[in-house]
Structures are given as C-alpha cells and as structure tokens.
Amino acid sequence: MRAYVDTSVLSALFLPETDSARAAELVQRMKEPLTFTPLHRLELRNTIRLAVLRRRITALQATASLHRQESHERAGLFMPATPMWNDVYARADNLSGDYSARSGCRTLDILHVASALTFGVREFYTFDQDQARLARAAGLKVIPAT
C-alpha cells in the first residue's frame, strides 16, 4: 500500500462535486485498489445520505450511488483494510495534541491521517485543505496539493 485516499476524494467519485472529474482522473492513475477501511465506508455512505437531506441529490440518486459503491467493493476496486484501531487512536490523540489547538483539525480528519500513518503510506490524497495541512505536518506527501 503506497497511498491513502481520504473521503473527500471518494465522495467526489460518487457524488456530483466540483472535484469529481479530478477525483476520477486521480483514481484511474493509481496502480492498485484503493484502501477502504470501515471508517471510509461509514463516512462515505453517510456523506451520500446527507446529500439527500441537503437536497444536493435525490433519494433515488443516493440509492444508485450506494449501489455503485458496493459494486466497487465487490469488483475489488476497493481493498478492504482494517488498521489496528488502538494504534490509530493513540496516534490520533498525539496528532490532536500536536496540532488541533493551532489548526482546528476535525476528529475524522485526524483519524484519516492517523490511519494513513499507521498503514505506513507515504502519499495522502485529499481535497480538504485543513486535512492536507495536517497530513503535511505529519510527514505525508499530499496529492493533489490543495
């Protein structure tokens, strides 16, 4: 595993967003399946469902997006990966202590960066600027640079 893709990139694959074309291009260039943790799955599926509440998509579109996400899993485009959660939480707590008071990082952002570090990846894909700053500060190469 060389790279970690956060949920901002994944949601752009399944929802109509300004970065959707860019996300598809990034993912097509990757040579291996995307790491897909239980955190990714929950956050992505919740993001799709919240898009209905926010009237960005219809319930029918959400159902189609959720089915496409499941199809990606079945087709092996997502590589199921479960980190050692105790290690992730410990690393996340350290990141929070080091950066949250200065950066205002959100818990999910911290958990994604901590997961990437726990997996030992070098590249971190995100469209989220706050998360990109945290990932860089933690020593990860951020792609695409936001």
N, C-alpha and C. Protein backbone atom coordinates (compact mmCIF):
# COMPACT_ATOMS: atom_id res chain seq x y z
N MET A 1 0.85 -1.17 0.00
CA MET A 1 0.00 0.00 0.00
C MET A 1 0.89 1.24 0.00
N ARG A 2 0.74 2.03 -1.04
CA ARG A 2 1.57 3.20 -1.20
C ARG A 2 0.85 4.50 -0.84
N ALA A 3 -0.47 4.50 -1.05
CA ALA A 3 -1.24 5.74 -0.88
C ALA A 3 -2.50 5.50 -0.07
N TYR A 4 -2.98 6.59 0.50
CA TYR A 4 -4.22 6.58 1.26
C TYR A 4 -5.10 7.67 0.66
N VAL A 5 -6.32 7.31 0.30
CA VAL A 5 -7.27 8.25 -0.27
C VAL A 5 -8.32 8.57 0.78
N ASP A 6 -8.49 9.85 1.10
CA ASP A 6 -9.46 10.20 2.13
C ASP A 6 -10.86 10.32 1.53
N THR A 7 -11.83 10.53 2.38
CA THR A 7 -13.23 10.51 1.96
C THR A 7 -13.60 11.69 1.07
N SER A 8 -12.86 12.80 1.13
CA SER A 8 -13.19 13.91 0.22
C SER A 8 -12.99 13.50 -1.23
N VAL A 9 -12.02 12.66 -1.49
CA VAL A 9 -11.78 12.16 -2.85
C VAL A 9 -12.82 11.09 -3.19
N LEU A 10 -13.08 10.20 -2.26
CA LEU A 10 -14.07 9.14 -2.51
C LEU A 10 -15.46 9.72 -2.76
N SER A 11 -15.85 10.70 -1.97
CA SER A 11 -17.20 11.26 -2.16
C SER A 11 -17.31 11.94 -3.52
N ALA A 12 -16.21 12.51 -4.01
CA ALA A 12 -16.24 13.14 -5.34
C ALA A 12 -16.41 12.09 -6.44
N LEU A 13 -16.09 10.84 -6.15
CA LEU A 13 -16.32 9.77 -7.12
C LEU A 13 -17.79 9.36 -7.21
N PHE A 14 -18.52 9.55 -6.12
CA PHE A 14 -19.88 9.04 -6.05
C PHE A 14 -20.95 10.11 -5.99
N LEU A 15 -20.55 11.36 -5.86
CA LEU A 15 -21.49 12.47 -5.82
C LEU A 15 -21.08 13.52 -6.85
N PRO A 16 -22.03 14.28 -7.37
CA PRO A 16 -21.66 15.35 -8.28
C PRO A 16 -21.02 16.51 -7.51
N GLU A 17 -19.72 16.64 -7.64
CA GLU A 17 -18.97 17.68 -6.93
C GLU A 17 -18.03 18.38 -7.91
N THR A 18 -17.54 19.53 -7.53
CA THR A 18 -16.63 20.27 -8.41
C THR A 18 -15.36 19.49 -8.69
N ASP A 19 -14.96 18.63 -7.78
CA ASP A 19 -13.73 17.85 -7.95
C ASP A 19 -13.98 16.45 -8.51
N SER A 20 -15.18 16.14 -8.97
CA SER A 20 -15.49 14.78 -9.41
C SER A 20 -14.61 14.31 -10.57
N ALA A 21 -14.43 15.15 -11.57
CA ALA A 21 -13.59 14.74 -12.72
C ALA A 21 -12.15 14.55 -12.27
N ARG A 22 -11.69 15.43 -11.42
CA ARG A 22 -10.32 15.33 -10.90
C ARG A 22 -10.14 14.06 -10.08
N ALA A 23 -11.13 13.72 -9.26
CA ALA A 23 -11.06 12.50 -8.45
C ALA A 23 -11.00 11.27 -9.35
N ALA A 24 -11.83 11.24 -10.38
CA ALA A 24 -11.83 10.09 -11.29
C ALA A 24 -10.48 9.95 -11.98
N GLU A 25 -9.91 11.06 -12.37
CA GLU A 25 -8.59 11.03 -13.02
C GLU A 25 -7.51 10.52 -12.07
N LEU A 26 -7.54 10.99 -10.83
CA LEU A 26 -6.56 10.54 -9.84
C LEU A 26 -6.66 9.04 -9.60
N VAL A 27 -7.87 8.56 -9.43
CA VAL A 27 -8.08 7.15 -9.13
C VAL A 27 -7.69 6.28 -10.32
N GLN A 28 -7.98 6.73 -11.53
CA GLN A 28 -7.61 5.96 -12.73
C GLN A 28 -6.10 5.82 -12.86
N ARG A 29 -5.36 6.81 -12.39
CA ARG A 29 -3.90 6.75 -12.49
C ARG A 29 -3.27 5.83 -11.45
N MET A 30 -4.00 5.53 -10.39
CA MET A 30 -3.46 4.67 -9.35
C MET A 30 -3.34 3.25 -9.86
N LYS A 31 -2.28 2.58 -9.47
CA LYS A 31 -1.99 1.25 -9.99
C LYS A 31 -2.53 0.12 -9.11
N GLU A 32 -3.06 0.46 -7.97
CA GLU A 32 -3.56 -0.57 -7.05
C GLU A 32 -4.94 -0.18 -6.55
N PRO A 33 -5.69 -1.14 -6.03
CA PRO A 33 -7.02 -0.81 -5.48
C PRO A 33 -6.90 0.21 -4.34
N LEU A 34 -7.96 0.95 -4.14
CA LEU A 34 -7.97 1.95 -3.07
C LEU A 34 -8.16 1.29 -1.72
N THR A 35 -7.37 1.69 -0.76
CA THR A 35 -7.53 1.21 0.61
C THR A 35 -8.89 1.70 1.11
N PHE A 36 -9.64 0.79 1.67
CA PHE A 36 -11.01 1.11 2.08
C PHE A 36 -11.25 0.53 3.46
N THR A 37 -11.18 1.39 4.47
CA THR A 37 -11.35 0.97 5.86
C THR A 37 -12.82 1.08 6.26
N PRO A 38 -13.18 0.51 7.40
CA PRO A 38 -14.54 0.71 7.90
C PRO A 38 -14.86 2.20 8.10
N LEU A 39 -13.86 3.00 8.43
CA LEU A 39 -14.06 4.45 8.57
C LEU A 39 -14.44 5.07 7.22
N HIS A 40 -13.74 4.69 6.16
CA HIS A 40 -14.09 5.17 4.82
C HIS A 40 -15.54 4.82 4.49
N ARG A 41 -15.86 3.54 4.70
CA ARG A 41 -17.19 3.05 4.32
C ARG A 41 -18.29 3.83 5.03
N LEU A 42 -18.16 3.98 6.33
CA LEU A 42 -19.16 4.70 7.11
C LEU A 42 -19.24 6.16 6.69
N GLU A 43 -18.11 6.82 6.60
CA GLU A 43 -18.13 8.24 6.27
C GLU A 43 -18.65 8.48 4.85
N LEU A 44 -18.23 7.67 3.90
CA LEU A 44 -18.68 7.83 2.52
C LEU A 44 -20.19 7.61 2.41
N ARG A 45 -20.68 6.53 2.99
CA ARG A 45 -22.10 6.22 2.90
C ARG A 45 -22.94 7.28 3.63
N ASN A 46 -22.45 7.78 4.75
CA ASN A 46 -23.16 8.84 5.46
C ASN A 46 -23.16 10.14 4.65
N THR A 47 -22.06 10.43 3.99
CA THR A 47 -21.96 11.63 3.14
C THR A 47 -22.99 11.56 2.01
N ILE A 48 -23.13 10.39 1.41
CA ILE A 48 -24.12 10.21 0.34
C ILE A 48 -25.53 10.43 0.89
N ARG A 49 -25.81 9.86 2.05
CA ARG A 49 -27.14 10.01 2.65
C ARG A 49 -27.41 11.46 3.05
N LEU A 50 -26.40 12.14 3.57
CA LEU A 50 -26.57 13.55 3.94
C LEU A 50 -26.81 14.43 2.72
N ALA A 51 -26.30 14.03 1.57
CA ALA A 51 -26.52 14.80 0.35
C ALA A 51 -28.00 14.86 0.00
N VAL A 52 -28.76 13.84 0.38
CA VAL A 52 -30.21 13.86 0.18
C VAL A 52 -30.84 14.91 1.09
N LEU A 53 -30.48 14.87 2.36
CA LEU A 53 -31.01 15.84 3.32
C LEU A 53 -30.73 17.27 2.88
N ARG A 54 -29.53 17.49 2.34
CA ARG A 54 -29.12 18.84 1.91
C ARG A 54 -29.62 19.18 0.51
N ARG A 55 -30.40 18.27 -0.06
CA ARG A 55 -31.02 18.45 -1.38
C ARG A 55 -30.00 18.65 -2.50
N ARG A 56 -28.85 18.00 -2.35
CA ARG A 56 -27.85 18.01 -3.42
C ARG A 56 -28.14 16.92 -4.43
N ILE A 57 -28.77 15.83 -3.95
CA ILE A 57 -29.18 14.73 -4.80
C ILE A 57 -30.52 14.21 -4.31
N THR A 58 -31.16 13.41 -5.15
CA THR A 58 -32.44 12.81 -4.75
C THR A 58 -32.17 11.48 -4.03
N ALA A 59 -33.21 10.97 -3.40
CA ALA A 59 -33.09 9.67 -2.73
C ALA A 59 -32.75 8.58 -3.75
N LEU A 60 -33.32 8.68 -4.94
CA LEU A 60 -33.03 7.70 -5.98
C LEU A 60 -31.55 7.77 -6.40
N GLN A 61 -31.02 8.97 -6.52
CA GLN A 61 -29.60 9.13 -6.85
C GLN A 61 -28.71 8.58 -5.73
N ALA A 62 -29.12 8.79 -4.50
CA ALA A 62 -28.35 8.27 -3.37
C ALA A 62 -28.32 6.75 -3.41
N THR A 63 -29.46 6.14 -3.67
CA THR A 63 -29.52 4.69 -3.76
C THR A 63 -28.59 4.19 -4.85
N ALA A 64 -28.59 4.86 -5.99
CA ALA A 64 -27.72 4.47 -7.10
C ALA A 64 -26.25 4.62 -6.70
N SER A 65 -25.91 5.70 -6.00
CA SER A 65 -24.52 5.92 -5.56
C SER A 65 -24.09 4.85 -4.56
N LEU A 66 -24.98 4.50 -3.65
CA LEU A 66 -24.66 3.46 -2.66
C LEU A 66 -24.46 2.11 -3.36
N HIS A 67 -25.28 1.83 -4.35
CA HIS A 67 -25.11 0.57 -5.11
C HIS A 67 -23.79 0.57 -5.88
N ARG A 68 -23.43 1.71 -6.46
CA ARG A 68 -22.15 1.80 -7.19
C ARG A 68 -20.98 1.58 -6.24
N GLN A 69 -21.07 2.16 -5.05
CA GLN A 69 -20.00 1.98 -4.05
C GLN A 69 -19.89 0.50 -3.69
N GLU A 70 -21.01 -0.17 -3.48
CA GLU A 70 -20.98 -1.60 -3.16
C GLU A 70 -20.42 -2.41 -4.34
N SER A 71 -20.76 -2.01 -5.55
CA SER A 71 -20.22 -2.69 -6.74
C SER A 71 -18.71 -2.55 -6.82
N HIS A 72 -18.21 -1.37 -6.46
CA HIS A 72 -16.76 -1.16 -6.44
C HIS A 72 -16.09 -2.11 -5.44
N GLU A 73 -16.74 -2.27 -4.30
CA GLU A 73 -16.20 -3.20 -3.29
C GLU A 73 -16.17 -4.62 -3.84
N ARG A 74 -17.29 -5.08 -4.40
CA ARG A 74 -17.38 -6.45 -4.93
C ARG A 74 -16.40 -6.68 -6.08
N ALA A 75 -16.17 -5.66 -6.88
CA ALA A 75 -15.27 -5.79 -8.04
C ALA A 75 -13.80 -5.72 -7.66
N GLY A 76 -13.52 -5.45 -6.39
CA GLY A 76 -12.12 -5.39 -5.96
C GLY A 76 -11.43 -4.07 -6.24
N LEU A 77 -12.21 -3.04 -6.58
CA LEU A 77 -11.61 -1.72 -6.80
C LEU A 77 -11.23 -1.05 -5.48
N PHE A 78 -11.88 -1.51 -4.42
CA PHE A 78 -11.53 -1.07 -3.07
C PHE A 78 -10.90 -2.26 -2.35
N MET A 79 -9.79 -2.02 -1.69
CA MET A 79 -9.11 -3.07 -0.94
C MET A 79 -9.51 -2.93 0.53
N PRO A 80 -10.29 -3.87 1.04
CA PRO A 80 -10.67 -3.78 2.45
C PRO A 80 -9.42 -3.81 3.33
N ALA A 81 -9.36 -2.89 4.26
CA ALA A 81 -8.22 -2.81 5.16
C ALA A 81 -8.70 -2.34 6.53
N THR A 82 -8.32 -3.06 7.53
CA THR A 82 -8.69 -2.67 8.89
C THR A 82 -7.41 -2.42 9.68
N PRO A 83 -7.17 -1.17 10.01
CA PRO A 83 -5.97 -0.88 10.78
C PRO A 83 -6.11 -1.37 12.21
N MET A 84 -5.03 -1.39 12.92
CA MET A 84 -5.08 -1.68 14.35
C MET A 84 -5.63 -0.42 15.02
N TRP A 85 -6.92 -0.48 15.34
CA TRP A 85 -7.59 0.73 15.80
C TRP A 85 -6.97 1.33 17.05
N ASN A 86 -6.46 0.50 17.96
CA ASN A 86 -5.81 1.07 19.15
C ASN A 86 -4.61 1.92 18.76
N ASP A 87 -3.86 1.47 17.75
CA ASP A 87 -2.72 2.24 17.26
C ASP A 87 -3.19 3.54 16.58
N VAL A 88 -4.26 3.43 15.82
CA VAL A 88 -4.80 4.62 15.14
C VAL A 88 -5.24 5.65 16.18
N TYR A 89 -5.99 5.22 17.18
CA TYR A 89 -6.48 6.16 18.19
C TYR A 89 -5.33 6.78 18.98
N ALA A 90 -4.32 6.00 19.30
CA ALA A 90 -3.17 6.54 20.02
C ALA A 90 -2.44 7.58 19.17
N ARG A 91 -2.24 7.26 17.91
CA ARG A 91 -1.58 8.20 17.00
C ARG A 91 -2.45 9.44 16.80
N ALA A 92 -3.76 9.24 16.68
CA ALA A 92 -4.69 10.36 16.51
C ALA A 92 -4.65 11.29 17.72
N ASP A 93 -4.59 10.72 18.90
CA ASP A 93 -4.51 11.53 20.12
C ASP A 93 -3.23 12.36 20.12
N ASN A 94 -2.12 11.76 19.67
CA ASN A 94 -0.87 12.51 19.58
C ASN A 94 -0.97 13.64 18.55
N LEU A 95 -1.56 13.34 17.38
CA LEU A 95 -1.74 14.38 16.37
C LEU A 95 -2.63 15.50 16.90
N SER A 96 -3.69 15.14 17.59
CA SER A 96 -4.57 16.14 18.17
C SER A 96 -3.80 17.04 19.14
N GLY A 97 -3.00 16.42 20.00
CA GLY A 97 -2.22 17.19 20.95
C GLY A 97 -1.21 18.11 20.28
N ASP A 98 -0.64 17.64 19.19
CA ASP A 98 0.38 18.43 18.50
C ASP A 98 -0.21 19.54 17.62
N TYR A 99 -1.41 19.33 17.04
CA TYR A 99 -1.87 20.25 16.00
C TYR A 99 -3.25 20.87 16.19
N SER A 100 -4.14 20.26 16.94
CA SER A 100 -5.52 20.74 16.97
C SER A 100 -5.67 22.14 17.54
N ALA A 101 -4.94 22.47 18.57
CA ALA A 101 -5.08 23.80 19.16
C ALA A 101 -4.67 24.90 18.18
N ARG A 102 -3.78 24.58 17.26
CA ARG A 102 -3.33 25.57 16.27
C ARG A 102 -4.12 25.50 14.97
N SER A 103 -4.56 24.29 14.60
CA SER A 103 -5.14 24.12 13.27
C SER A 103 -6.64 23.92 13.26
N GLY A 104 -7.23 23.54 14.37
CA GLY A 104 -8.66 23.28 14.40
C GLY A 104 -9.07 22.03 13.66
N CYS A 105 -8.20 21.04 13.61
CA CYS A 105 -8.48 19.79 12.88
C CYS A 105 -9.72 19.10 13.46
N ARG A 106 -10.52 18.55 12.56
CA ARG A 106 -11.69 17.78 12.98
C ARG A 106 -11.27 16.35 13.28
N THR A 107 -12.04 15.69 14.12
CA THR A 107 -11.70 14.34 14.56
C THR A 107 -11.57 13.37 13.38
N LEU A 108 -12.51 13.40 12.43
CA LEU A 108 -12.41 12.46 11.30
C LEU A 108 -11.16 12.72 10.47
N ASP A 109 -10.79 14.00 10.31
CA ASP A 109 -9.55 14.31 9.58
C ASP A 109 -8.35 13.71 10.29
N ILE A 110 -8.33 13.85 11.59
CA ILE A 110 -7.22 13.31 12.38
C ILE A 110 -7.19 11.79 12.28
N LEU A 111 -8.35 11.15 12.33
CA LEU A 111 -8.40 9.69 12.24
C LEU A 111 -7.90 9.20 10.87
N HIS A 112 -8.23 9.91 9.80
CA HIS A 112 -7.74 9.50 8.48
C HIS A 112 -6.22 9.64 8.39
N VAL A 113 -5.69 10.74 8.87
CA VAL A 113 -4.24 10.93 8.83
C VAL A 113 -3.56 9.88 9.71
N ALA A 114 -4.10 9.64 10.88
CA ALA A 114 -3.53 8.63 11.78
C ALA A 114 -3.61 7.24 11.14
N SER A 115 -4.70 6.93 10.44
CA SER A 115 -4.81 5.64 9.75
C SER A 115 -3.73 5.51 8.68
N ALA A 116 -3.55 6.57 7.90
CA ALA A 116 -2.53 6.54 6.85
C ALA A 116 -1.14 6.31 7.45
N LEU A 117 -0.86 6.99 8.54
CA LEU A 117 0.44 6.81 9.20
C LEU A 117 0.59 5.40 9.74
N THR A 118 -0.48 4.87 10.30
CA THR A 118 -0.44 3.51 10.85
C THR A 118 -0.20 2.48 9.75
N PHE A 119 -0.78 2.71 8.57
CA PHE A 119 -0.54 1.82 7.44
C PHE A 119 0.85 2.00 6.84
N GLY A 120 1.53 3.08 7.20
CA GLY A 120 2.88 3.31 6.69
C GLY A 120 2.93 3.83 5.26
N VAL A 121 1.87 4.48 4.81
CA VAL A 121 1.87 5.03 3.45
C VAL A 121 2.68 6.32 3.39
N ARG A 122 3.02 6.71 2.19
CA ARG A 122 3.78 7.96 2.01
C ARG A 122 2.94 9.05 1.37
N GLU A 123 1.94 8.65 0.56
CA GLU A 123 1.12 9.61 -0.17
C GLU A 123 -0.29 9.64 0.41
N PHE A 124 -0.82 10.85 0.51
CA PHE A 124 -2.15 11.07 1.08
C PHE A 124 -2.95 11.91 0.10
N TYR A 125 -4.03 11.35 -0.44
CA TYR A 125 -4.87 12.04 -1.41
C TYR A 125 -6.04 12.70 -0.69
N THR A 126 -6.19 14.01 -0.87
CA THR A 126 -7.31 14.72 -0.26
C THR A 126 -7.60 16.00 -1.03
N PHE A 127 -8.86 16.44 -0.96
CA PHE A 127 -9.25 17.75 -1.47
C PHE A 127 -9.51 18.71 -0.31
N ASP A 128 -9.37 18.24 0.91
CA ASP A 128 -9.67 19.02 2.11
C ASP A 128 -8.41 19.77 2.56
N GLN A 129 -8.46 21.09 2.53
CA GLN A 129 -7.27 21.88 2.82
C GLN A 129 -6.79 21.73 4.26
N ASP A 130 -7.71 21.68 5.22
CA ASP A 130 -7.31 21.52 6.63
C ASP A 130 -6.64 20.16 6.82
N GLN A 131 -7.22 19.15 6.22
CA GLN A 131 -6.65 17.81 6.35
C GLN A 131 -5.29 17.74 5.64
N ALA A 132 -5.17 18.42 4.52
CA ALA A 132 -3.90 18.45 3.79
C ALA A 132 -2.80 19.06 4.65
N ARG A 133 -3.11 20.14 5.36
CA ARG A 133 -2.11 20.77 6.24
C ARG A 133 -1.67 19.80 7.33
N LEU A 134 -2.64 19.11 7.92
CA LEU A 134 -2.32 18.14 8.97
C LEU A 134 -1.47 17.01 8.40
N ALA A 135 -1.85 16.48 7.26
CA ALA A 135 -1.09 15.38 6.65
C ALA A 135 0.34 15.80 6.34
N ARG A 136 0.51 17.01 5.81
CA ARG A 136 1.86 17.51 5.53
C ARG A 136 2.67 17.65 6.82
N ALA A 137 2.03 18.22 7.85
CA ALA A 137 2.71 18.40 9.13
C ALA A 137 3.12 17.06 9.72
N ALA A 138 2.35 16.01 9.43
CA ALA A 138 2.65 14.66 9.94
C ALA A 138 3.67 13.94 9.08
N GLY A 139 4.11 14.58 7.99
CA GLY A 139 5.17 14.00 7.17
C GLY A 139 4.70 13.27 5.92
N LEU A 140 3.43 13.38 5.58
CA LEU A 140 2.90 12.72 4.38
C LEU A 140 3.01 13.65 3.17
N LYS A 141 3.20 13.07 2.01
CA LYS A 141 3.17 13.82 0.77
C LYS A 141 1.70 13.92 0.34
N VAL A 142 1.19 15.13 0.22
CA VAL A 142 -0.22 15.32 -0.10
C VAL A 142 -0.41 15.45 -1.61
N ILE A 143 -1.32 14.63 -2.14
CA ILE A 143 -1.66 14.64 -3.55
C ILE A 143 -3.17 14.63 -3.66
N PRO A 144 -3.83 15.45 -4.38
CA PRO A 144 -3.29 16.63 -5.03
C PRO A 144 -3.03 17.71 -4.00
N ALA A 145 -1.99 18.46 -4.22
CA ALA A 145 -1.67 19.56 -3.30
C ALA A 145 -2.84 20.55 -3.36
N THR A 146 -3.42 20.80 -2.21
CA THR A 146 -4.57 21.71 -2.16
C THR A 146 -4.14 23.03 -1.59
